[in-house]
Protein backbone atom coordinates (compact mmCIF):
# COMPACT_ATOMS: atom_id res chain seq x y z
CA MET A 1 -27.12 -54.61 -42.86
CA HIS A 2 -28.15 -51.00 -43.18
CA VAL A 3 -30.43 -51.27 -40.14
CA LYS A 4 -27.69 -52.98 -38.17
CA ASN A 5 -25.23 -50.18 -38.99
CA MET A 6 -27.77 -47.56 -37.97
CA LEU A 7 -28.37 -49.30 -34.66
CA THR A 8 -24.64 -49.45 -34.07
CA ILE A 9 -24.29 -45.72 -34.74
CA PHE A 10 -27.21 -44.84 -32.47
CA PHE A 11 -25.78 -47.05 -29.73
CA ALA A 12 -22.37 -45.38 -30.05
CA ILE A 13 -23.95 -41.91 -29.86
CA PHE A 14 -25.92 -42.99 -26.80
CA ILE A 15 -22.76 -44.18 -25.06
CA ILE A 16 -20.95 -40.92 -25.88
CA LEU A 17 -23.84 -38.80 -24.61
CA LEU A 18 -24.00 -40.90 -21.48
CA PHE A 19 -20.33 -40.56 -20.62
CA ILE A 20 -19.80 -36.88 -21.56
CA PRO A 21 -21.67 -35.54 -18.48
CA LEU A 22 -19.88 -38.03 -16.23
CA THR A 23 -16.53 -36.99 -17.68
CA CYS A 24 -17.32 -33.29 -17.27
CA PHE A 25 -18.45 -33.90 -13.70
CA ALA A 26 -15.24 -35.77 -12.94
CA LEU A 27 -13.15 -32.96 -14.41
CA GLN A 28 -15.10 -30.37 -12.44
CA THR A 29 -14.65 -32.22 -9.17
CA GLN A 30 -10.94 -32.55 -9.88
CA ASP A 31 -10.62 -28.79 -10.42
CA GLU A 32 -11.75 -27.90 -6.90
CA THR A 33 -11.20 -29.46 -3.50
CA ILE A 34 -13.71 -28.93 -0.71
CA PHE A 35 -12.37 -28.38 2.79
CA TYR A 36 -14.09 -28.06 6.15
CA PRO A 37 -13.61 -26.09 9.40
CA THR A 38 -12.09 -29.22 10.93
CA ASP A 39 -9.32 -29.39 8.30
CA ILE A 40 -6.00 -28.09 9.65
CA PHE A 41 -3.22 -26.86 7.36
CA LYS A 42 -0.17 -27.49 9.49
CA ILE A 43 3.24 -25.83 9.26
CA PRO A 44 5.45 -28.26 11.22
CA ASN A 45 8.75 -26.38 10.89
CA TYR A 46 7.14 -23.20 12.24
CA ASN A 47 5.01 -24.82 14.93
CA GLY A 48 1.99 -23.19 13.35
CA SER A 49 -1.28 -24.06 11.67
CA ILE A 50 -4.06 -22.52 9.58
CA ASN A 51 -7.73 -23.33 9.39
CA PHE A 52 -10.87 -21.61 8.12
CA ALA A 53 -13.87 -21.25 10.41
CA ASN A 54 -16.46 -21.77 7.68
CA GLY A 55 -14.67 -24.04 5.23
CA GLY A 56 -14.74 -23.60 1.48
CA LYS A 57 -12.95 -24.92 -1.60
CA TYR A 58 -9.79 -24.32 -3.60
CA GLU A 59 -8.20 -25.28 -6.87
CA SER A 60 -4.86 -26.10 -5.27
CA ALA A 61 -3.11 -25.78 -1.92
CA ASN A 62 0.50 -26.57 -1.17
CA LEU A 63 3.03 -25.88 1.55
CA HIS A 64 6.17 -24.29 0.11
CA ASN A 65 8.95 -22.69 2.16
CA ASN A 66 6.67 -22.97 5.21
CA ILE A 67 3.97 -20.91 3.49
CA TRP A 68 0.58 -22.27 2.48
CA ASN A 69 -0.19 -21.23 -1.10
CA PHE A 70 -3.87 -21.33 -2.03
CA VAL A 71 -5.06 -20.84 -5.62
CA ASN A 72 -8.68 -19.88 -6.38
CA LEU A 73 -9.65 -20.07 -2.75
CA SER A 74 -13.38 -19.64 -2.17
CA LEU A 75 -14.71 -19.42 1.39
CA ASN A 76 -18.26 -20.36 2.21
CA ASN A 77 -18.94 -16.91 3.68
CA GLY A 78 -16.76 -14.74 1.45
CA PHE A 79 -15.39 -13.95 -2.01
CA ARG A 80 -13.18 -16.04 -4.23
CA LEU A 81 -9.48 -15.22 -3.99
CA ASP A 82 -7.18 -15.73 -6.96
CA THR A 83 -4.30 -16.32 -4.57
CA LEU A 84 -3.62 -16.33 -0.86
CA ASN A 85 -0.26 -17.07 0.75
CA ILE A 86 -0.44 -17.44 4.51
CA SER A 87 1.92 -18.61 7.22
CA ALA A 88 2.08 -18.74 11.00
CA ILE A 89 5.02 -19.04 13.38
CA ASP A 90 4.38 -20.36 16.91
CA SER A 91 0.68 -19.69 16.47
CA ASP A 92 -2.55 -21.33 15.37
CA VAL A 93 -4.68 -19.16 13.09
CA THR A 94 -8.40 -19.49 12.45
CA VAL A 95 -9.55 -17.30 9.56
CA LEU A 96 -13.07 -16.06 10.30
CA SER A 97 -13.81 -14.01 7.21
CA ILE A 98 -12.22 -12.63 4.05
CA GLN A 99 -14.14 -10.05 2.07
CA GLY A 100 -13.15 -8.25 -1.09
CA PHE A 101 -9.47 -8.99 -1.77
CA GLY A 102 -8.62 -9.19 -5.47
CA SER A 103 -6.92 -7.39 -8.32
CA ASP A 104 -9.60 -4.71 -8.83
CA ILE A 105 -10.92 -4.08 -5.30
CA ILE A 106 -10.97 -0.75 -3.50
CA GLY A 107 -11.59 -2.12 -0.03
CA ALA A 108 -11.18 -5.41 1.79
CA ILE A 109 -11.31 -6.97 5.24
CA LEU A 110 -9.76 -10.09 6.74
CA SER A 111 -10.42 -11.17 10.30
CA TYR A 112 -8.95 -14.04 12.26
CA THR A 113 -8.38 -15.36 15.74
CA ILE A 114 -5.09 -16.63 17.02
CA ILE A 115 -3.74 -18.90 19.73
CA GLY A 116 -0.09 -18.18 20.52
CA ASP A 117 2.08 -15.09 20.42
CA GLY A 118 4.07 -15.68 17.24
CA GLU A 119 4.01 -14.10 13.79
CA GLN A 120 1.45 -14.39 11.00
CA THR A 121 1.97 -13.36 7.38
CA PHE A 122 -0.53 -12.76 4.58
CA ASN A 123 0.01 -12.08 0.89
CA PHE A 124 -3.03 -11.54 -1.34
CA GLY A 125 -1.22 -11.15 -4.63
CA ILE A 126 -1.84 -7.40 -4.73
CA ASN A 127 0.35 -4.32 -4.50
CA ALA A 128 0.10 -3.74 -0.77
CA ASN A 129 1.55 -0.24 -1.02
CA LYS A 130 -1.08 0.91 -3.51
CA GLY A 131 -3.67 1.36 -0.76
CA SER A 132 -3.92 2.16 2.91
CA TRP A 133 -3.77 -0.49 5.66
CA SER A 134 -5.27 -0.48 9.13
CA VAL A 135 -4.82 -3.28 11.65
CA SER A 136 -6.62 -3.83 14.91
CA PHE A 137 -5.90 -6.14 17.83
CA ASN A 138 -9.03 -6.92 19.84
CA ASP A 139 -10.86 -4.05 18.09
CA VAL A 140 -8.10 -1.55 18.98
CA PHE A 141 -6.16 -0.11 16.04
CA VAL A 142 -2.38 -0.33 16.27
CA ALA A 143 0.14 1.77 14.39
CA GLU A 144 2.33 0.39 11.63
CA ASN A 145 5.68 -0.89 12.94
CA SER A 146 4.09 -1.23 16.38
CA GLY A 147 2.66 -4.68 15.83
CA TRP A 148 2.58 -5.04 12.07
CA HIS A 149 4.46 -3.98 8.93
CA ILE A 150 4.56 -4.54 5.17
CA LEU A 151 7.45 -6.54 3.73
CA PRO A 152 9.11 -5.67 0.39
CA ASP A 153 7.27 -8.52 -1.38
CA ASN A 154 3.85 -7.05 -0.43
CA THR A 155 3.39 -9.47 2.45
CA ILE A 156 1.82 -8.05 5.58
CA SER A 157 3.42 -9.34 8.77
CA ILE A 158 1.57 -9.36 12.11
CA ILE A 159 3.62 -9.58 15.30
CA GLY A 160 2.35 -9.22 18.84
CA ALA A 161 -1.30 -10.19 18.38
CA THR A 162 -2.69 -12.63 20.95
CA SER A 163 -6.41 -12.98 20.24
CA ASN A 164 -8.52 -11.26 17.55
CA VAL A 165 -6.99 -9.52 14.53
CA THR A 166 -8.57 -7.46 11.76
CA LEU A 167 -6.82 -6.35 8.56
CA LEU A 168 -8.52 -3.49 6.74
CA TYR A 169 -7.32 -2.45 3.28
CA PHE A 170 -8.53 0.50 1.21
CA VAL A 171 -7.40 1.79 -2.17
CA PHE A 172 -7.79 5.51 -2.78
CA PRO A 173 -9.10 6.14 -6.33
CA ASP A 174 -6.83 8.04 -8.70
CA PHE A 175 -9.13 11.06 -8.89
CA LEU A 176 -8.51 11.81 -5.21
CA GLY A 177 -5.19 13.47 -5.98
CA ASN A 178 -4.39 17.04 -4.95
CA ASN A 179 -4.06 18.46 -8.47
CA GLY A 180 -6.66 20.83 -9.84
CA ASP A 181 -8.95 23.50 -8.48
CA SER A 182 -11.18 22.25 -5.65
CA PHE A 183 -14.05 24.33 -7.01
CA ASN A 184 -14.03 22.22 -10.15
CA LYS A 185 -14.26 18.97 -8.19
CA SER A 186 -17.41 17.06 -7.37
CA PHE A 187 -18.86 16.92 -3.86
CA PHE A 188 -17.35 13.47 -3.37
CA GLN A 189 -13.92 14.64 -4.47
CA GLN A 190 -14.00 17.64 -2.13
CA HIS A 191 -15.13 15.56 0.85
CA SER A 192 -13.38 12.31 -0.01
CA VAL A 193 -11.43 12.01 3.26
CA LEU A 194 -14.56 12.43 5.36
CA ILE A 195 -16.54 9.99 3.23
CA ILE A 196 -13.79 7.38 3.19
CA THR A 197 -13.33 7.71 6.96
CA ALA A 198 -17.06 7.12 7.40
CA ILE A 199 -16.89 4.07 5.12
CA ILE A 200 -13.96 2.63 7.06
CA ALA A 201 -15.75 3.26 10.36
CA PHE A 202 -18.82 1.49 8.97
CA PHE A 203 -16.68 -1.49 7.89
CA VAL A 204 -15.12 -1.69 11.35
CA ILE A 205 -18.52 -1.68 13.07
CA VAL A 206 -19.89 -4.33 10.72
CA LEU A 207 -16.75 -6.41 11.17
CA ALA A 208 -16.94 -6.21 14.96
CA LEU A 209 -20.53 -7.46 14.82
CA LEU A 210 -19.54 -10.18 12.35
CA ASN A 211 -16.65 -11.33 14.53
CA LYS A 212 -18.95 -11.46 17.57
CA TYR A 213 -21.50 -13.49 15.64
CA LEU A 214 -18.89 -15.91 14.27
CA LYS A 215 -17.28 -16.42 17.67
CA ASN A 216 -20.64 -17.05 19.32
CA ASN A 217 -21.65 -19.38 16.51
CA ASN A 218 -18.38 -21.34 16.73
CA HIS A 219 -18.78 -21.55 20.50
CA LEU A 220 -22.30 -22.94 20.17
CA GLU A 221 -21.16 -25.48 17.59
CA GLY A 222 -18.37 -26.59 19.90
CA THR A 223 -20.71 -27.21 22.84
């Protein structure tokens, strides 16, 4: 009887050990959903749609008030986003790349292509007024309120774009304020504007090359 009880216990342990990994795997797969470049997130009431050129995965995605709300969105060629709310009116948006948006970032870039002449909105769950925004249409920068503006809820609205759009966001560190004697500041502090301008210019050049590569790559895949 003792041997029989021991065999029963060992068999029970074996079954538990066997099913624990399967259970964990099932829970993990339930936490994230994989999506592909061919998946279209439609917005019927707005005659718009969203898709991502390189696919990725997310924890959840739902359409609420004609806005797609993504939670823990991770693109195959970019960073993980805690949250992304995106919508499109009379336009079809293809997101090419998202780099760096998050709660602690100092710089970020989003690029997308568009078919249609409607409005697109993006909210990254950050204080949009904390940093500086630049927006370009077809690699030409446009002034705020002349094609884009920031809404009170930190949503950035793009109006008037017809092809390629780039959103560039940069947060100026706190030590770049005007208080204090410039002689007591470091080299970086004294030349911060020049350095930051150079960084932004570098990002723009890299982004232009990235957009060209992605467009050529998508074109080749479509042929």
